[in-house]
């Protein structure tokens, strides 16, 4: 697939076929994520691949929809995904090079670049995903047994899309671009 086609077809998919995804495909998606740029080439990301349905259900229980972090409204649609990839940041790895600023912002920027590569690779392979970061960090860390210095950044469901795959378009939505200075 040409890059423009991949970028145009990338949408947030929230329903998946009851069909397994091969380890080879998951490894290719992760490898593509690892090629992402990062500050100082630190590449602070680490990945947890989850296929166990019990653990997936436990992860879903840590999630919430929208800005409803204080309500119990998990994103149950995640249960349809055959595999979840949890993208985590190794905070000391970035801190060592960039100090406190890394923990405040860089780990999120770096891991988001990694996630975007992964999302695009999934589309290129005929798979689908969705960038999920609506989860309670402490609860997710407990479910996954993460040490205090590893920060979960995103949960990526990966699978074959169920239903329509047409991209969402908003004709009124255009990028705001200025020349030379803001507002010009």
Foldseek 3Di string as FASTA:
>chain_A
DDLVVLVQLADAFLAFDPDDDDPVLVVVLLVQLLPFDAVVSLSQKDKDKDQDLVLQVLQQQQFDPDPPNVDRHGSVSLSNFRMKIWIKGQQVSQCVPVNPVCVVPRSQVSSVRSVVSSQSSLSVVQKHKHWDDGGDFVSNCVSVVPDPRITTRTMIRIHHGDDDSRGDDDVVDDDDDDPPDPPD
